[in-house]
Amino acid sequence: MNNKKLILNAFVACSVGTLAACSSSSDSTSTASPTSETPTTSSTIVGSIFAAPVNGANVSVKDMGGNTVAGPVMTNAAGSYSIDVPDSALAFDLVFESTGGVFDDEATDAAGIGTDAGSLSALVAGGSLDATSSVHVTPGTTIHADLVTDYGKTATDAKTAFFTAFAYNPDFTIQPVDVTEPAALTANDLSRLSGFRALVFSQLAQNLSLTAAQQFDMFAALAQDLSDGTLDGVDANGPVAIGASGISLPADILSQYIATAASFIEATTASYTVQYDPSGMTTHGKDTFSLTITDSSGS
């Protein structure tokens, strides 16, 4: 494990406790398209593109027919962007999409080298944005969006499929932070948790013998796998290939995802005792449980 990952031990216990936290973002959708008339007003939407922060990505906003309604604009070194979206388009479902750019992959710790980024996206329900809104695009929002745009699922069905596999709902309103960087220690819990989840996908790609750049093909493959509702390495047509990597998703991909997340938790809590109390929990679904974390001094 590289040194950057040791920063995780300041907050990973909190991340574990909220691992299945739900998104509060809207799930209602409008499948119509924005008007083609020239708008007279627009709203400025800010956000970020995050595998780790993606610098120099081109960000566009498209309607559900694939037509560009805003952009492209470019992200800065922090992965942040600002884009003016016609107010006439905000009533309709939109896809925030990024292509290109470079990032420092958390799993490979390639700081300063820069890995070419692939496509990332987020589906935003009509009527859920205004001039105060932000849209943060992550691996999780990308898989969810792909289920809708590439496989015809409703936003609700896509959310159900994603949650069944990964035990959380991706929330584009939360700004993720790179949890391998010291600045993450001052971020709020939800931002760190979002960043931690992106880190898990990066490490999963490495565990599957993929390059950092090939993780974007992995996101597409995970959506394809989930298109039949089950994360098991196959869809209705058989094994799911990961782009042109020559590697397919394994049948135990869900177990590997869980083990990848657990590997960070185990490695970064080596100097702590974590006591888990499942009293009162049900046998399925989200629930509340207790964790008692004790450091080496007994506190």
C-alpha atoms as a PDB file:
ATOM      1  CA  MET A   1       0.000   0.000   0.000  1.00  0.00           C
ATOM      2  CA  ASN A   2       1.407   3.407  -0.902  1.00  0.00           C
ATOM      3  CA  ASN A   3       1.932   6.148   1.661  1.00  0.00           C
ATOM      4  CA  LYS A   4      -0.905   8.336   0.393  1.00  0.00           C
ATOM      5  CA  LYS A   5      -3.430   5.679   1.368  1.00  0.00           C
ATOM      6  CA  LEU A   6      -2.364   5.919   5.019  1.00  0.00           C
ATOM      7  CA  ILE A   7      -4.189   9.246   5.167  1.00  0.00           C
ATOM      8  CA  LEU A   8      -7.404   7.229   5.043  1.00  0.00           C
ATOM      9  CA  ASN A   9      -7.023   6.027   8.640  1.00  0.00           C
ATOM     10  CA  ALA A  10      -8.110   9.401  10.025  1.00  0.00           C
ATOM     11  CA  PHE A  11     -11.664   8.953   8.783  1.00  0.00           C
ATOM     12  CA  VAL A  12     -12.187   5.484   7.360  1.00  0.00           C
ATOM     13  CA  ALA A  13     -14.158   4.338  10.395  1.00  0.00           C
ATOM     14  CA  CYS A  14     -16.705   7.063   9.723  1.00  0.00           C
ATOM     15  CA  SER A  15     -16.812   6.006   6.087  1.00  0.00           C
ATOM     16  CA  VAL A  16     -17.570   2.428   7.106  1.00  0.00           C
ATOM     17  CA  GLY A  17     -20.406   3.572   9.316  1.00  0.00           C
ATOM     18  CA  THR A  18     -22.060   5.459   6.474  1.00  0.00           C
ATOM     19  CA  LEU A  19     -21.105   3.133   3.624  1.00  0.00           C
ATOM     20  CA  ALA A  20     -24.701   2.477   2.615  1.00  0.00           C
ATOM     21  CA  ALA A  21     -25.857   6.086   2.951  1.00  0.00           C
ATOM     22  CA  CYS A  22     -28.611   6.956   0.507  1.00  0.00           C
ATOM     23  CA  SER A  23     -28.709   9.755  -2.003  1.00  0.00           C
ATOM     24  CA  SER A  24     -31.190  12.554  -1.549  1.00  0.00           C
ATOM     25  CA  SER A  25     -31.174  13.540  -5.202  1.00  0.00           C
ATOM     26  CA  SER A  26     -34.379  13.514  -7.186  1.00  0.00           C
ATOM     27  CA  ASP A  27     -35.409  10.343  -8.993  1.00  0.00           C
ATOM     28  CA  SER A  28     -38.340  11.670 -11.027  1.00  0.00           C
ATOM     29  CA  THR A  29     -37.622  12.085 -14.710  1.00  0.00           C
ATOM     30  CA  SER A  30     -38.980  13.825 -17.780  1.00  0.00           C
ATOM     31  CA  THR A  31     -38.124  12.115 -21.035  1.00  0.00           C
ATOM     32  CA  ALA A  32     -39.088  14.958 -23.342  1.00  0.00           C
ATOM     33  CA  SER A  33     -36.470  17.136 -25.037  1.00  0.00           C
ATOM     34  CA  PRO A  34     -35.663  20.811 -24.503  1.00  0.00           C
ATOM     35  CA  THR A  35     -37.088  23.273 -26.969  1.00  0.00           C
ATOM     36  CA  SER A  36     -34.890  24.199 -29.899  1.00  0.00           C
ATOM     37  CA  GLU A  37     -35.754  27.878 -29.526  1.00  0.00           C
ATOM     38  CA  THR A  38     -32.871  30.161 -28.613  1.00  0.00           C
ATOM     39  CA  PRO A  39     -33.056  30.783 -24.847  1.00  0.00           C
ATOM     40  CA  THR A  40     -32.924  34.268 -23.406  1.00  0.00           C
ATOM     41  CA  THR A  41     -31.724  33.243 -19.949  1.00  0.00           C
ATOM     42  CA  SER A  42     -29.438  30.607 -18.498  1.00  0.00           C
ATOM     43  CA  SER A  43     -28.346  29.240 -15.131  1.00  0.00           C
ATOM     44  CA  THR A  44     -24.734  28.657 -14.164  1.00  0.00           C
ATOM     45  CA  ILE A  45     -24.200  25.127 -12.887  1.00  0.00           C
ATOM     46  CA  VAL A  46     -20.937  24.288 -11.161  1.00  0.00           C
ATOM     47  CA  GLY A  47     -19.471  20.910 -10.353  1.00  0.00           C
ATOM     48  CA  SER A  48     -16.517  18.591 -10.759  1.00  0.00           C
ATOM     49  CA  ILE A  49     -15.363  15.603 -12.783  1.00  0.00           C
ATOM     50  CA  PHE A  50     -13.915  12.964 -10.520  1.00  0.00           C
ATOM     51  CA  ALA A  51     -12.180   9.619 -10.886  1.00  0.00           C
ATOM     52  CA  ALA A  52      -9.604  11.489  -8.963  1.00  0.00           C
ATOM     53  CA  PRO A  53      -9.878  15.177 -10.002  1.00  0.00           C
ATOM     54  CA  VAL A  54      -9.790  15.238 -13.834  1.00  0.00           C
ATOM     55  CA  ASN A  55      -7.903  18.211 -15.254  1.00  0.00           C
ATOM     56  CA  GLY A  56      -8.652  19.447 -18.772  1.00  0.00           C
ATOM     57  CA  ALA A  57     -11.803  17.400 -19.340  1.00  0.00           C
ATOM     58  CA  ASN A  58     -14.375  18.694 -21.826  1.00  0.00           C
ATOM     59  CA  VAL A  59     -17.776  18.948 -20.142  1.00  0.00           C
ATOM     60  CA  SER A  60     -21.028  19.153 -22.104  1.00  0.00           C
ATOM     61  CA  VAL A  61     -24.696  18.963 -21.186  1.00  0.00           C
ATOM     62  CA  LYS A  62     -26.903  16.890 -23.467  1.00  0.00           C
ATOM     63  CA  ASP A  63     -30.585  16.096 -23.691  1.00  0.00           C
ATOM     64  CA  MET A  64     -31.853  12.526 -23.752  1.00  0.00           C
ATOM     65  CA  GLY A  65     -31.614  12.510 -27.533  1.00  0.00           C
ATOM     66  CA  GLY A  66     -27.875  13.159 -27.353  1.00  0.00           C
ATOM     67  CA  ASN A  67     -28.150  16.768 -28.514  1.00  0.00           C
ATOM     68  CA  THR A  68     -25.766  19.241 -26.867  1.00  0.00           C
ATOM     69  CA  VAL A  69     -27.585  22.015 -25.002  1.00  0.00           C
ATOM     70  CA  ALA A  70     -24.553  23.558 -23.235  1.00  0.00           C
ATOM     71  CA  GLY A  71     -20.774  23.472 -23.492  1.00  0.00           C
ATOM     72  CA  PRO A  72     -18.273  22.177 -23.918  1.00  0.00           C
ATOM     73  CA  VAL A  73     -16.294  23.823 -21.137  1.00  0.00           C
ATOM     74  CA  MET A  74     -13.005  22.631 -19.648  1.00  0.00           C
ATOM     75  CA  THR A  75     -12.242  21.574 -16.091  1.00  0.00           C
ATOM     76  CA  ASN A  76      -9.421  23.154 -14.123  1.00  0.00           C
ATOM     77  CA  ALA A  77      -6.614  21.405 -12.221  1.00  0.00           C
ATOM     78  CA  ALA A  78      -9.021  20.640  -9.343  1.00  0.00           C
ATOM     79  CA  GLY A  79     -11.440  18.946 -11.725  1.00  0.00           C
ATOM     80  CA  SER A  80     -13.966  21.759 -11.317  1.00  0.00           C
ATOM     81  CA  TYR A  81     -16.076  23.358 -14.033  1.00  0.00           C
ATOM     82  CA  SER A  82     -18.745  26.014 -14.502  1.00  0.00           C
ATOM     83  CA  ILE A  83     -21.264  25.816 -17.332  1.00  0.00           C
ATOM     84  CA  ASP A  84     -24.217  27.984 -18.400  1.00  0.00           C
ATOM     85  CA  VAL A  85     -27.281  25.855 -19.131  1.00  0.00           C
ATOM     86  CA  PRO A  86     -30.305  27.400 -20.873  1.00  0.00           C
ATOM     87  CA  ASP A  87     -33.165  27.745 -18.426  1.00  0.00           C
ATOM     88  CA  SER A  88     -35.463  26.296 -21.089  1.00  0.00           C
ATOM     89  CA  ALA A  89     -33.517  23.009 -20.843  1.00  0.00           C
ATOM     90  CA  LEU A  90     -33.668  22.630 -17.064  1.00  0.00           C
ATOM     91  CA  ALA A  91     -37.198  21.237 -17.070  1.00  0.00           C
ATOM     92  CA  PHE A  92     -36.016  18.165 -18.968  1.00  0.00           C
ATOM     93  CA  ASP A  93     -33.769  15.228 -18.140  1.00  0.00           C
ATOM     94  CA  LEU A  94     -30.149  16.059 -18.893  1.00  0.00           C
ATOM     95  CA  VAL A  95     -26.860  14.193 -19.053  1.00  0.00           C
ATOM     96  CA  PHE A  96     -23.701  15.941 -17.873  1.00  0.00           C
ATOM     97  CA  GLU A  97     -20.900  14.282 -19.802  1.00  0.00           C
ATOM     98  CA  SER A  98     -17.121  14.658 -19.761  1.00  0.00           C
ATOM     99  CA  THR A  99     -14.492  13.349 -22.134  1.00  0.00           C
ATOM    100  CA  GLY A 100     -10.722  13.491 -22.043  1.00  0.00           C
ATOM    101  CA  GLY A 101      -8.481  15.214 -19.540  1.00  0.00           C
ATOM    102  CA  VAL A 102      -5.908  13.695 -17.206  1.00  0.00           C
ATOM    103  CA  PHE A 103      -5.925  12.601 -13.568  1.00  0.00           C
ATOM    104  CA  ASP A 104      -3.589  11.124 -10.947  1.00  0.00           C
ATOM    105  CA  ASP A 105      -4.994   7.686 -10.210  1.00  0.00           C
ATOM    106  CA  GLU A 106      -5.329   6.997  -6.482  1.00  0.00           C
ATOM    107  CA  ALA A 107      -4.644   3.262  -6.670  1.00  0.00           C
ATOM    108  CA  THR A 108      -1.430   3.513  -8.674  1.00  0.00           C
ATOM    109  CA  ASP A 109      -0.285   6.717  -6.935  1.00  0.00           C
ATOM    110  CA  ALA A 110       0.900   8.163 -10.243  1.00  0.00           C
ATOM    111  CA  ALA A 111       1.185  11.695  -8.868  1.00  0.00           C
ATOM    112  CA  GLY A 112       2.412  14.190 -11.423  1.00  0.00           C
ATOM    113  CA  ILE A 113       2.341  11.657 -14.269  1.00  0.00           C
ATOM    114  CA  GLY A 114      -1.246  12.028 -15.350  1.00  0.00           C
ATOM    115  CA  THR A 115      -3.441   9.254 -16.730  1.00  0.00           C
ATOM    116  CA  ASP A 116      -5.701   9.907 -19.712  1.00  0.00           C
ATOM    117  CA  ALA A 117      -9.323   9.954 -18.580  1.00  0.00           C
ATOM    118  CA  GLY A 118     -12.208   8.358 -20.432  1.00  0.00           C
ATOM    119  CA  SER A 119     -15.896   9.230 -20.472  1.00  0.00           C
ATOM    120  CA  LEU A 120     -17.817  10.029 -17.275  1.00  0.00           C
ATOM    121  CA  SER A 121     -21.434  11.121 -16.947  1.00  0.00           C
ATOM    122  CA  ALA A 122     -24.301  11.929 -14.610  1.00  0.00           C
ATOM    123  CA  LEU A 123     -28.036  11.785 -15.247  1.00  0.00           C
ATOM    124  CA  VAL A 124     -29.977  14.738 -13.826  1.00  0.00           C
ATOM    125  CA  ALA A 125     -33.758  14.645 -13.562  1.00  0.00           C
ATOM    126  CA  GLY A 126     -35.754  17.445 -15.147  1.00  0.00           C
ATOM    127  CA  GLY A 127     -36.722  20.200 -12.741  1.00  0.00           C
ATOM    128  CA  SER A 128     -34.033  19.376 -10.195  1.00  0.00           C
ATOM    129  CA  LEU A 129     -31.513  22.088 -11.128  1.00  0.00           C
ATOM    130  CA  ASP A 130     -31.392  25.845 -10.697  1.00  0.00           C
ATOM    131  CA  ALA A 131     -28.700  28.515 -10.487  1.00  0.00           C
ATOM    132  CA  THR A 132     -27.652  27.279  -7.024  1.00  0.00           C
ATOM    133  CA  SER A 133     -27.143  23.652  -8.101  1.00  0.00           C
ATOM    134  CA  SER A 134     -23.989  21.622  -8.549  1.00  0.00           C
ATOM    135  CA  VAL A 135     -23.402  18.415 -10.511  1.00  0.00           C
ATOM    136  CA  HIS A 136     -20.436  16.250  -9.555  1.00  0.00           C
ATOM    137  CA  VAL A 137     -19.708  13.426 -11.977  1.00  0.00           C
ATOM    138  CA  THR A 138     -18.203  10.222 -10.523  1.00  0.00           C
ATOM    139  CA  PRO A 139     -17.797   6.529 -11.388  1.00  0.00           C
ATOM    140  CA  GLY A 140     -21.057   5.811  -9.571  1.00  0.00           C
ATOM    141  CA  THR A 141     -23.084   8.454 -11.413  1.00  0.00           C
ATOM    142  CA  THR A 142     -21.555   7.167 -14.664  1.00  0.00           C
ATOM    143  CA  ILE A 143     -22.714   3.580 -14.151  1.00  0.00           C
ATOM    144  CA  HIS A 144     -26.185   4.812 -13.175  1.00  0.00           C
ATOM    145  CA  ALA A 145     -26.404   7.103 -16.224  1.00  0.00           C
ATOM    146  CA  ASP A 146     -25.223   4.343 -18.575  1.00  0.00           C
ATOM    147  CA  LEU A 147     -27.992   2.051 -17.333  1.00  0.00           C
ATOM    148  CA  VAL A 148     -30.520   4.657 -18.467  1.00  0.00           C
ATOM    149  CA  THR A 149     -28.935   5.992 -21.661  1.00  0.00           C
ATOM    150  CA  ASP A 150     -27.436   2.739 -22.993  1.00  0.00           C
ATOM    151  CA  TYR A 151     -29.821   0.084 -21.673  1.00  0.00           C
ATOM    152  CA  GLY A 152     -33.190   1.834 -21.529  1.00  0.00           C
ATOM    153  CA  LYS A 153     -33.813   1.552 -17.806  1.00  0.00           C
ATOM    154  CA  THR A 154     -35.849   4.142 -15.985  1.00  0.00           C
ATOM    155  CA  ALA A 155     -33.927   6.236 -13.464  1.00  0.00           C
ATOM    156  CA  THR A 156     -35.724   4.370 -10.664  1.00  0.00           C
ATOM    157  CA  ASP A 157     -34.876   0.929 -12.039  1.00  0.00           C
ATOM    158  CA  ALA A 158     -31.273   2.007 -12.615  1.00  0.00           C
ATOM    159  CA  LYS A 159     -31.022   3.218  -9.033  1.00  0.00           C
ATOM    160  CA  THR A 160     -32.418  -0.082  -7.754  1.00  0.00           C
ATOM    161  CA  ALA A 161     -29.960  -2.120  -9.822  1.00  0.00           C
ATOM    162  CA  PHE A 162     -27.022   0.034  -8.714  1.00  0.00           C
ATOM    163  CA  PHE A 163     -28.000  -0.103  -5.041  1.00  0.00           C
ATOM    164  CA  THR A 164     -28.487  -3.873  -5.162  1.00  0.00           C
ATOM    165  CA  ALA A 165     -24.891  -4.247  -6.350  1.00  0.00           C
ATOM    166  CA  PHE A 166     -23.013  -1.492  -4.539  1.00  0.00           C
ATOM    167  CA  ALA A 167     -25.194  -0.723  -1.476  1.00  0.00           C
ATOM    168  CA  TYR A 168     -25.364   3.028  -2.015  1.00  0.00           C
ATOM    169  CA  ASN A 169     -27.027   5.547  -4.307  1.00  0.00           C
ATOM    170  CA  PRO A 170     -24.639   7.822  -6.237  1.00  0.00           C
ATOM    171  CA  ASP A 171     -25.420  11.448  -5.441  1.00  0.00           C
ATOM    172  CA  PHE A 172     -24.307  14.096  -7.936  1.00  0.00           C
ATOM    173  CA  THR A 173     -24.919  16.874  -5.380  1.00  0.00           C
ATOM    174  CA  ILE A 174     -21.974  15.744  -3.214  1.00  0.00           C
ATOM    175  CA  GLN A 175     -18.502  16.986  -4.121  1.00  0.00           C
ATOM    176  CA  PRO A 176     -15.956  14.155  -3.746  1.00  0.00           C
ATOM    177  CA  VAL A 177     -12.408  14.676  -2.527  1.00  0.00           C
ATOM    178  CA  ASP A 178      -9.260  12.637  -3.146  1.00  0.00           C
ATOM    179  CA  VAL A 179      -8.987  10.712   0.119  1.00  0.00           C
ATOM    180  CA  THR A 180      -5.302   9.973  -0.479  1.00  0.00           C
ATOM    181  CA  GLU A 181      -4.460  13.675  -0.155  1.00  0.00           C
ATOM    182  CA  PRO A 182      -3.963  15.532   3.173  1.00  0.00           C
ATOM    183  CA  ALA A 183      -6.597  18.131   2.246  1.00  0.00           C
ATOM    184  CA  ALA A 184      -9.240  15.413   2.564  1.00  0.00           C
ATOM    185  CA  LEU A 185      -8.849  15.491   6.334  1.00  0.00           C
ATOM    186  CA  THR A 186     -10.681  18.822   6.496  1.00  0.00           C
ATOM    187  CA  ALA A 187     -13.505  17.830   4.128  1.00  0.00           C
ATOM    188  CA  ASN A 188     -16.924  16.761   5.354  1.00  0.00           C
ATOM    189  CA  ASP A 189     -17.818  13.093   5.813  1.00  0.00           C
ATOM    190  CA  LEU A 190     -20.027  12.783   2.725  1.00  0.00           C
ATOM    191  CA  SER A 191     -17.359  14.286   0.466  1.00  0.00           C
ATOM    192  CA  ARG A 192     -14.746  11.904   1.829  1.00  0.00           C
ATOM    193  CA  LEU A 193     -17.085   8.959   1.502  1.00  0.00           C
ATOM    194  CA  SER A 194     -17.773   9.841  -2.133  1.00  0.00           C
ATOM    195  CA  GLY A 195     -14.035  10.054  -2.761  1.00  0.00           C
ATOM    196  CA  PHE A 196     -13.456   6.760  -0.972  1.00  0.00           C
ATOM    197  CA  ARG A 197     -15.967   5.039  -3.245  1.00  0.00           C
ATOM    198  CA  ALA A 198     -14.137   6.344  -6.319  1.00  0.00           C
ATOM    199  CA  LEU A 199     -10.884   5.030  -4.835  1.00  0.00           C
ATOM    200  CA  VAL A 200     -12.427   1.573  -4.448  1.00  0.00           C
ATOM    201  CA  PHE A 201     -13.266   1.496  -8.168  1.00  0.00           C
ATOM    202  CA  SER A 202      -9.682   2.525  -9.017  1.00  0.00           C
ATOM    203  CA  GLN A 203      -8.292  -0.266  -6.848  1.00  0.00           C
ATOM    204  CA  LEU A 204     -10.792  -2.755  -8.285  1.00  0.00           C
ATOM    205  CA  ALA A 205      -9.497  -1.951 -11.779  1.00  0.00           C
ATOM    206  CA  GLN A 206      -5.936  -2.589 -10.649  1.00  0.00           C
ATOM    207  CA  ASN A 207      -6.999  -5.853  -9.007  1.00  0.00           C
ATOM    208  CA  LEU A 208      -8.516  -6.938 -12.341  1.00  0.00           C
ATOM    209  CA  SER A 209      -5.131  -6.283 -14.044  1.00  0.00           C
ATOM    210  CA  LEU A 210      -6.476  -3.206 -15.827  1.00  0.00           C
ATOM    211  CA  THR A 211      -4.509  -0.017 -16.330  1.00  0.00           C
ATOM    212  CA  ALA A 212      -5.702   3.149 -14.644  1.00  0.00           C
ATOM    213  CA  ALA A 213      -7.028   4.396 -17.997  1.00  0.00           C
ATOM    214  CA  GLN A 214      -8.965   1.159 -18.581  1.00  0.00           C
ATOM    215  CA  GLN A 215     -11.105   1.693 -15.483  1.00  0.00           C
ATOM    216  CA  PHE A 216     -13.407   3.840 -17.639  1.00  0.00           C
ATOM    217  CA  ASP A 217     -14.070   0.798 -19.819  1.00  0.00           C
ATOM    218  CA  MET A 218     -14.711  -1.071 -16.585  1.00  0.00           C
ATOM    219  CA  PHE A 219     -17.448   1.406 -15.623  1.00  0.00           C
ATOM    220  CA  ALA A 220     -19.161   0.742 -18.966  1.00  0.00           C
ATOM    221  CA  ALA A 221     -18.766  -3.007 -18.469  1.00  0.00           C
ATOM    222  CA  LEU A 222     -20.257  -2.842 -14.972  1.00  0.00           C
ATOM    223  CA  ALA A 223     -23.313  -1.047 -16.385  1.00  0.00           C
ATOM    224  CA  GLN A 224     -23.615  -3.679 -19.107  1.00  0.00           C
ATOM    225  CA  ASP A 225     -23.385  -6.420 -16.478  1.00  0.00           C
ATOM    226  CA  LEU A 226     -26.050  -4.721 -14.337  1.00  0.00           C
ATOM    227  CA  SER A 227     -28.376  -4.277 -17.322  1.00  0.00           C
ATOM    228  CA  ASP A 228     -29.961  -7.630 -16.440  1.00  0.00           C
ATOM    229  CA  GLY A 229     -30.271  -6.610 -12.778  1.00  0.00           C
ATOM    230  CA  THR A 230     -27.469  -8.791 -11.389  1.00  0.00           C
ATOM    231  CA  LEU A 231     -23.749  -8.088 -11.021  1.00  0.00           C
ATOM    232  CA  ASP A 232     -22.299 -11.478 -11.922  1.00  0.00           C
ATOM    233  CA  GLY A 233     -19.972 -10.967 -14.901  1.00  0.00           C
ATOM    234  CA  VAL A 234     -22.574 -11.776 -17.554  1.00  0.00           C
ATOM    235  CA  ASP A 235     -25.502 -10.085 -19.245  1.00  0.00           C
ATOM    236  CA  ALA A 236     -28.250 -11.574 -21.404  1.00  0.00           C
ATOM    237  CA  ASN A 237     -25.680 -12.348 -24.121  1.00  0.00           C
ATOM    238  CA  GLY A 238     -22.970 -13.920 -21.981  1.00  0.00           C
ATOM    239  CA  PRO A 239     -19.655 -12.774 -20.447  1.00  0.00           C
ATOM    240  CA  VAL A 240     -19.058  -9.023 -20.383  1.00  0.00           C
ATOM    241  CA  ALA A 241     -15.793  -7.844 -21.933  1.00  0.00           C
ATOM    242  CA  ILE A 242     -13.996  -4.790 -20.512  1.00  0.00           C
ATOM    243  CA  GLY A 243     -13.459  -2.671 -23.608  1.00  0.00           C
ATOM    244  CA  ALA A 244     -10.553  -3.851 -25.757  1.00  0.00           C
ATOM    245  CA  SER A 245      -8.494  -4.946 -22.745  1.00  0.00           C
ATOM    246  CA  GLY A 246      -8.894  -8.645 -23.487  1.00  0.00           C
ATOM    247  CA  ILE A 247     -10.248  -9.054 -19.938  1.00  0.00           C
ATOM    248  CA  SER A 248     -13.840  -9.909 -19.002  1.00  0.00           C
ATOM    249  CA  LEU A 249     -15.628  -9.206 -15.754  1.00  0.00           C
ATOM    250  CA  PRO A 250     -15.247 -12.255 -13.488  1.00  0.00           C
ATOM    251  CA  ALA A 251     -18.282 -14.159 -12.233  1.00  0.00           C
ATOM    252  CA  ASP A 252     -17.406 -13.095  -8.682  1.00  0.00           C
ATOM    253  CA  ILE A 253     -17.095  -9.389  -9.538  1.00  0.00           C
ATOM    254  CA  LEU A 254     -19.474  -8.419  -6.723  1.00  0.00           C
ATOM    255  CA  SER A 255     -17.400 -10.324  -4.166  1.00  0.00           C
ATOM    256  CA  GLN A 256     -14.253  -8.724  -5.560  1.00  0.00           C
ATOM    257  CA  TYR A 257     -15.777  -5.265  -5.202  1.00  0.00           C
ATOM    258  CA  ILE A 258     -16.677  -5.970  -1.578  1.00  0.00           C
ATOM    259  CA  ALA A 259     -13.240  -7.429  -0.854  1.00  0.00           C
ATOM    260  CA  THR A 260     -11.572  -4.385  -2.433  1.00  0.00           C
ATOM    261  CA  ALA A 261     -13.459  -2.012  -0.160  1.00  0.00           C
ATOM    262  CA  ALA A 262     -12.682  -4.208   2.835  1.00  0.00           C
ATOM    263  CA  SER A 263      -8.970  -4.274   2.007  1.00  0.00           C
ATOM    264  CA  PHE A 264      -8.711  -0.527   2.575  1.00  0.00           C
ATOM    265  CA  ILE A 265     -10.669  -0.737   5.797  1.00  0.00           C
ATOM    266  CA  GLU A 266      -8.497  -3.533   7.163  1.00  0.00           C
ATOM    267  CA  ALA A 267      -5.231  -1.927   6.071  1.00  0.00           C
ATOM    268  CA  THR A 268      -6.014   1.520   7.422  1.00  0.00           C
ATOM    269  CA  THR A 269      -7.408   0.450  10.806  1.00  0.00           C
ATOM    270  CA  ALA A 270      -4.521  -1.797  11.796  1.00  0.00           C
ATOM    271  CA  SER A 271      -3.853   0.267  14.946  1.00  0.00           C
ATOM    272  CA  TYR A 272      -7.495   0.287  16.012  1.00  0.00           C
ATOM    273  CA  THR A 273      -9.938  -2.243  17.382  1.00  0.00           C
ATOM    274  CA  VAL A 274     -13.335  -2.106  15.709  1.00  0.00           C
ATOM    275  CA  GLN A 275     -16.175  -3.800  17.583  1.00  0.00           C
ATOM    276  CA  TYR A 276     -19.341  -4.409  15.602  1.00  0.00           C
ATOM    277  CA  ASP A 277     -22.703  -4.853  17.358  1.00  0.00           C
ATOM    278  CA  PRO A 278     -25.521  -6.086  15.070  1.00  0.00           C
ATOM    279  CA  SER A 279     -28.162  -6.150  17.819  1.00  0.00           C
ATOM    280  CA  GLY A 280     -31.599  -5.374  16.484  1.00  0.00           C
ATOM    281  CA  MET A 281     -30.635  -5.495  12.824  1.00  0.00           C
ATOM    282  CA  THR A 282     -32.932  -7.065  10.269  1.00  0.00           C
ATOM    283  CA  THR A 283     -31.735  -9.732   7.843  1.00  0.00           C
ATOM    284  CA  HIS A 284     -31.700  -7.626   4.690  1.00  0.00           C
ATOM    285  CA  GLY A 285     -31.608  -4.085   3.390  1.00  0.00           C
ATOM    286  CA  LYS A 286     -30.257  -0.957   5.032  1.00  0.00           C
ATOM    287  CA  ASP A 287     -30.276  -0.787   8.808  1.00  0.00           C
ATOM    288  CA  THR A 288     -28.638   0.816  11.819  1.00  0.00           C
ATOM    289  CA  PHE A 289     -25.856  -0.827  13.787  1.00  0.00           C
ATOM    290  CA  SER A 290     -23.175   0.188  16.265  1.00  0.00           C
ATOM    291  CA  LEU A 291     -19.403   0.426  15.862  1.00  0.00           C
ATOM    292  CA  THR A 292     -17.063   1.011  18.785  1.00  0.00           C
ATOM    293  CA  ILE A 293     -13.559   2.014  17.697  1.00  0.00           C
ATOM    294  CA  THR A 294     -10.741   1.831  20.248  1.00  0.00           C
ATOM    295  CA  ASP A 295      -7.205   3.063  19.637  1.00  0.00           C
ATOM    296  CA  SER A 296      -3.992   1.434  20.841  1.00  0.00           C
ATOM    297  CA  SER A 297      -4.130   3.342  24.128  1.00  0.00           C
ATOM    298  CA  GLY A 298      -7.579   1.949  24.910  1.00  0.00           C
ATOM    299  CA  SER A 299      -9.438   5.221  24.249  1.00  0.00           C
END
